[in-house]
Amino acid sequence: MSEAELIFTALAELSTRQIAETEKAKGVAENAKVSKKGGAVAKNARKELESKTGMSVITDENFLPPKNEKKKLK
């Protein structure tokens, strides 16, 4: 993940938590609705940045190695 992807992921998580606390969400159903709202905050911010810069925030970078790569035993 790129730096921007990490930041927008953190924004989604923070937004979701704060909305859940504000709405006093309980249970899976209520928290599912809250997670959509929190994700929308980050989505809107990402779309706004992309429209201002003309560049995509989403990359094909991956921290993890490909699954077909085998670890060598020592």
N, C-alpha and C. Protein backbone atom coordinates (compact mmCIF):
# COMPACT_ATOMS: atom_id res chain seq x y z
N MET A 1 0.84 -1.19 0.00
CA MET A 1 0.00 0.00 0.00
C MET A 1 0.88 1.24 0.00
N SER A 2 0.40 2.23 -0.67
CA SER A 2 1.12 3.50 -0.68
C SER A 2 0.80 4.29 0.59
N GLU A 3 1.54 5.35 0.79
CA GLU A 3 1.30 6.21 1.95
C GLU A 3 -0.13 6.76 1.94
N ALA A 4 -0.58 7.19 0.78
CA ALA A 4 -1.94 7.74 0.66
C ALA A 4 -2.99 6.67 0.98
N GLU A 5 -2.79 5.46 0.48
CA GLU A 5 -3.75 4.38 0.76
C GLU A 5 -3.82 4.11 2.26
N LEU A 6 -2.69 4.11 2.93
CA LEU A 6 -2.68 3.89 4.38
C LEU A 6 -3.41 5.01 5.11
N ILE A 7 -3.20 6.24 4.67
CA ILE A 7 -3.84 7.38 5.31
C ILE A 7 -5.36 7.33 5.12
N PHE A 8 -5.82 7.00 3.93
CA PHE A 8 -7.26 6.93 3.71
C PHE A 8 -7.88 5.74 4.44
N THR A 9 -7.15 4.66 4.58
CA THR A 9 -7.63 3.53 5.37
C THR A 9 -7.78 3.94 6.83
N ALA A 10 -6.78 4.65 7.34
CA ALA A 10 -6.85 5.15 8.72
C ALA A 10 -8.01 6.12 8.90
N LEU A 11 -8.25 6.97 7.91
CA LEU A 11 -9.37 7.90 7.97
C LEU A 11 -10.70 7.14 8.04
N ALA A 12 -10.83 6.10 7.24
CA ALA A 12 -12.06 5.29 7.26
C ALA A 12 -12.26 4.65 8.62
N GLU A 13 -11.19 4.12 9.20
CA GLU A 13 -11.30 3.47 10.51
C GLU A 13 -11.64 4.47 11.61
N LEU A 14 -10.98 5.62 11.59
CA LEU A 14 -11.25 6.65 12.59
C LEU A 14 -12.67 7.18 12.45
N SER A 15 -13.10 7.45 11.23
CA SER A 15 -14.45 7.95 10.99
C SER A 15 -15.49 6.95 11.47
N THR A 16 -15.27 5.70 11.15
CA THR A 16 -16.21 4.65 11.56
C THR A 16 -16.32 4.57 13.07
N ARG A 17 -15.17 4.59 13.75
CA ARG A 17 -15.19 4.51 15.21
C ARG A 17 -15.91 5.70 15.82
N GLN A 18 -15.61 6.90 15.34
CA GLN A 18 -16.23 8.08 15.92
C GLN A 18 -17.73 8.13 15.64
N ILE A 19 -18.15 7.72 14.46
CA ILE A 19 -19.58 7.68 14.15
C ILE A 19 -20.27 6.64 15.02
N ALA A 20 -19.64 5.49 15.21
CA ALA A 20 -20.22 4.44 16.06
C ALA A 20 -20.38 4.93 17.50
N GLU A 21 -19.38 5.65 17.99
CA GLU A 21 -19.47 6.18 19.35
C GLU A 21 -20.57 7.22 19.46
N THR A 22 -20.67 8.10 18.45
CA THR A 22 -21.68 9.16 18.47
C THR A 22 -23.09 8.59 18.39
N GLU A 23 -23.26 7.58 17.55
CA GLU A 23 -24.58 6.98 17.36
C GLU A 23 -24.86 5.86 18.37
N LYS A 24 -23.86 5.56 19.20
CA LYS A 24 -23.98 4.48 20.20
C LYS A 24 -24.46 3.19 19.54
N ALA A 25 -23.79 2.84 18.44
CA ALA A 25 -24.14 1.64 17.67
C ALA A 25 -23.86 0.38 18.49
N LYS A 26 -24.80 -0.54 18.44
CA LYS A 26 -24.66 -1.82 19.13
C LYS A 26 -25.06 -2.93 18.17
N GLY A 27 -24.31 -4.00 18.19
CA GLY A 27 -24.64 -5.15 17.36
C GLY A 27 -24.11 -5.03 15.94
N VAL A 28 -24.17 -6.14 15.26
CA VAL A 28 -23.62 -6.24 13.92
C VAL A 28 -24.38 -5.37 12.93
N ALA A 29 -25.69 -5.39 12.98
CA ALA A 29 -26.49 -4.64 12.01
C ALA A 29 -26.23 -3.14 12.10
N GLU A 30 -26.25 -2.61 13.30
CA GLU A 30 -26.01 -1.17 13.47
C GLU A 30 -24.59 -0.80 13.08
N ASN A 31 -23.63 -1.62 13.46
CA ASN A 31 -22.24 -1.33 13.13
C ASN A 31 -21.96 -1.48 11.64
N ALA A 32 -22.69 -2.33 10.95
CA ALA A 32 -22.54 -2.46 9.50
C ALA A 32 -22.96 -1.16 8.82
N LYS A 33 -24.06 -0.57 9.30
CA LYS A 33 -24.52 0.70 8.75
C LYS A 33 -23.49 1.81 9.02
N VAL A 34 -22.95 1.81 10.23
CA VAL A 34 -21.95 2.80 10.61
C VAL A 34 -20.69 2.64 9.77
N SER A 35 -20.30 1.41 9.48
CA SER A 35 -19.08 1.19 8.69
C SER A 35 -19.24 1.73 7.27
N LYS A 36 -20.44 1.66 6.73
CA LYS A 36 -20.69 2.24 5.41
C LYS A 36 -20.50 3.76 5.45
N LYS A 37 -20.99 4.39 6.52
CA LYS A 37 -20.86 5.83 6.67
C LYS A 37 -19.40 6.24 6.82
N GLY A 38 -18.65 5.49 7.65
CA GLY A 38 -17.23 5.78 7.85
C GLY A 38 -16.43 5.59 6.59
N GLY A 39 -16.74 4.55 5.85
CA GLY A 39 -16.06 4.30 4.59
C GLY A 39 -16.38 5.38 3.56
N ALA A 40 -17.60 5.90 3.62
CA ALA A 40 -18.00 6.96 2.68
C ALA A 40 -17.21 8.24 2.93
N VAL A 41 -16.88 8.51 4.19
CA VAL A 41 -16.08 9.70 4.51
C VAL A 41 -14.73 9.61 3.80
N ALA A 42 -14.06 8.46 3.93
CA ALA A 42 -12.76 8.28 3.30
C ALA A 42 -12.88 8.24 1.78
N LYS A 43 -13.93 7.62 1.27
CA LYS A 43 -14.14 7.55 -0.18
C LYS A 43 -14.30 8.95 -0.77
N ASN A 44 -15.11 9.77 -0.11
CA ASN A 44 -15.33 11.13 -0.60
C ASN A 44 -14.04 11.94 -0.56
N ALA A 45 -13.25 11.77 0.51
CA ALA A 45 -11.97 12.48 0.61
C ALA A 45 -11.01 12.02 -0.49
N ARG A 46 -10.98 10.71 -0.74
CA ARG A 46 -10.11 10.17 -1.79
C ARG A 46 -10.51 10.69 -3.16
N LYS A 47 -11.79 10.66 -3.44
CA LYS A 47 -12.28 11.15 -4.74
C LYS A 47 -11.95 12.63 -4.90
N GLU A 48 -12.08 13.40 -3.85
CA GLU A 48 -11.77 14.83 -3.91
C GLU A 48 -10.28 15.05 -4.21
N LEU A 49 -9.41 14.31 -3.53
CA LEU A 49 -7.97 14.43 -3.79
C LEU A 49 -7.65 14.03 -5.23
N GLU A 50 -8.23 12.94 -5.68
CA GLU A 50 -7.97 12.48 -7.05
C GLU A 50 -8.44 13.51 -8.07
N SER A 51 -9.56 14.17 -7.79
CA SER A 51 -10.05 15.17 -8.74
C SER A 51 -9.15 16.40 -8.76
N LYS A 52 -8.53 16.73 -7.63
CA LYS A 52 -7.65 17.90 -7.56
C LYS A 52 -6.27 17.63 -8.15
N THR A 53 -5.79 16.39 -8.02
CA THR A 53 -4.44 16.05 -8.49
C THR A 53 -4.43 15.41 -9.87
N GLY A 54 -5.55 14.81 -10.25
CA GLY A 54 -5.60 14.08 -11.51
C GLY A 54 -4.89 12.74 -11.46
N MET A 55 -4.52 12.31 -10.25
CA MET A 55 -3.83 11.03 -10.07
C MET A 55 -4.64 10.12 -9.17
N SER A 56 -4.54 8.82 -9.43
CA SER A 56 -5.25 7.83 -8.62
C SER A 56 -4.49 7.57 -7.32
N VAL A 57 -5.23 7.44 -6.24
CA VAL A 57 -4.63 7.09 -4.95
C VAL A 57 -4.36 5.59 -4.90
N ILE A 58 -5.18 4.81 -5.58
CA ILE A 58 -5.07 3.35 -5.57
C ILE A 58 -3.85 2.93 -6.39
N THR A 59 -3.05 2.04 -5.81
CA THR A 59 -1.88 1.51 -6.50
C THR A 59 -1.96 -0.01 -6.56
N ASP A 60 -1.03 -0.60 -7.29
CA ASP A 60 -0.97 -2.07 -7.31
C ASP A 60 0.15 -2.56 -6.39
N GLU A 61 0.65 -1.67 -5.56
CA GLU A 61 1.69 -2.05 -4.61
C GLU A 61 1.10 -3.02 -3.59
N ASN A 62 1.92 -3.96 -3.16
CA ASN A 62 1.48 -4.92 -2.16
C ASN A 62 2.65 -5.21 -1.23
N PHE A 63 2.43 -5.05 0.04
CA PHE A 63 3.47 -5.30 1.01
C PHE A 63 3.84 -6.78 1.07
N LEU A 64 2.86 -7.64 0.88
CA LEU A 64 3.09 -9.08 0.99
C LEU A 64 3.66 -9.64 -0.30
N PRO A 65 4.53 -10.65 -0.19
CA PRO A 65 5.06 -11.28 -1.41
C PRO A 65 3.96 -12.08 -2.11
N PRO A 66 4.11 -12.34 -3.39
CA PRO A 66 3.11 -13.15 -4.10
C PRO A 66 2.95 -14.52 -3.43
N LYS A 67 1.75 -15.08 -3.50
CA LYS A 67 1.47 -16.36 -2.85
C LYS A 67 2.27 -17.51 -3.44
N ASN A 68 2.61 -17.44 -4.72
CA ASN A 68 3.33 -18.55 -5.34
C ASN A 68 4.81 -18.56 -4.99
N GLU A 69 5.27 -17.53 -4.30
CA GLU A 69 6.68 -17.46 -3.89
C GLU A 69 6.85 -18.30 -2.62
N LYS A 70 7.75 -19.29 -2.67
CA LYS A 70 7.95 -20.18 -1.53
C LYS A 70 9.11 -19.67 -0.67
N LYS A 71 8.94 -19.83 0.63
CA LYS A 71 10.00 -19.45 1.56
C LYS A 71 11.07 -20.54 1.56
N LYS A 72 12.32 -20.11 1.64
CA LYS A 72 13.42 -21.04 1.68
C LYS A 72 13.72 -21.40 3.14
N LEU A 73 13.88 -22.67 3.40
CA LEU A 73 14.24 -23.12 4.74
C LEU A 73 15.74 -23.15 4.90
N LYS A 74 16.20 -22.73 6.03
CA LYS A 74 17.64 -22.73 6.28
C LYS A 74 18.07 -23.93 7.07
